[in-house]
Amino acid sequence: MSMDYTQKIARQVAAVPRSGIRDFFELVQGREGIISLGVGEPDFVTPWNIREAAIYSLEKGQTSYTSNLGLPSLRKSISRYVGDFFGVEYGIGEILVTVGVSEAIDLALRALLDPGDEVIYHEPCYVSYSPSIVMAYGRAVAVETRKRDGFSLKAEALEKAITPRSRVLMLNFPTNPTGATASRADLEAIAALCVKHDLIVLTDEIYSELRYDADEPHVSIAALPGMRERTILLHGFSKAFAMTGFRLGYACGPQPLIEAMMKIHQYSMLCAPITSQVAAIEALENGSSAVAMMRDSYHRRRDYLVKRLNEMGLECHSPGGAFYVFPDIRGTGLKSKEFAMRLLEEEGVAAVPGDAFGPSGEGFLRCCYATSYEQLQVAMDKMQAFVGRL
């Protein structure tokens, strides 16, 4: 008698769909000659001095567990860095080192939510936000952002989503997949609502170093008056320092909240890898010049893609950060998935359908420009040919 495994899987897990990004890129695996504008990963190798720190730590035999919170030396470096870059001061007891920002999000949600509590987030958004909320027994409440607003979250739209069950607001600026940024004025209006309705904020600022317009410096909501005590600032090393495979992130916040997250972390993960933690110290202490070089390269690529996409008739706002553009393909008459599939089949260019990032992403396409300038030129020529045939 065969077993019905559908009856053995937890309901909240069974209800979670597979990642639309991963499903799409399984179609790409093993195919020759594909130009990928897909997976959001830097095309730079981790800078040598950071790799060398990891190698040297292994040569010295640093292969042990660390404190559950992370190496004190790393947390001191994080404290200095966050104070300088974000303008918010945290003691080392208010910092938890995690296995990527993804673990930090999971820990925060599990530490904060009782079953049925509502978590508000803005959409289009990174694919893991809604599933992470559901798997923490929360209720995911999406607030649509609009192209006309540069996909920034507006306080008026947020306020309409707040109910007596609202407990947490999740922010991600600069945003994956749109590259959207939030102005200080928008964040101040959002902060006022969070204070009024007693919301805790999880702010995922993994792309914060990758800002391109000097007249709009990055602002963290954690730095605004009255927000430090109700915000968990999430950050890491994957994007700005090109350290995706090191799987290292961190959370900064009020000590009682960090302590609650640490309780889950110590039983489920114990600690982040020591090799990655040692490399991260080098990144924070001596990585700024490499970050500036990579940011300048992304800036040039952003400007090129936005220009080419608009020239071929795909309206595209100029994103203020991250390394994605989110062109509007509705004028072609195709749905996002059909456009992406035909572009892949006919021209060998892979980009992600906008609806992979939530229903409000329908009619758009995410193109990641963390690939070489030369490859981007070829990809844009191929996309222009494809659009020209429609």
Foldseek 3Di string as FASTA:
>chain_A
DDDDCVVVDDPLVVPDDDQLLVVQCVVVPPDPPFQELADQFFPDAQDPVLVVLLVVCVVVVVFDFDALQAHLLLLVLVQVLCCVQAVDGFDSLQKRKDQALVLVLLLLLLLFDDAAAEEEEEPLADLCPQSSNSVSNYHYHYQYADVVVLRDDALVSVVVRDDLRHAEYEEEPCGPPALAHDAPVRLVSNVVVCVVNVHAYEYEDAWQLLFQDPVGHHHDSCNDPPRQARYKYKYFQCALSVPVVLRMIMIGGDSVSVVSSSVVSCVPPNHRGNSSSSSSSCCSVPVPVVSVVSSVQLNVLLVVVCVLCVVLPFHWDRRRIRFKTKTFQVVLVDKQVVLQVCLCVPQSYHWRRLCSSPPSGIRIIIGGSSDDSVSSVSSSVSSSVVSVVD
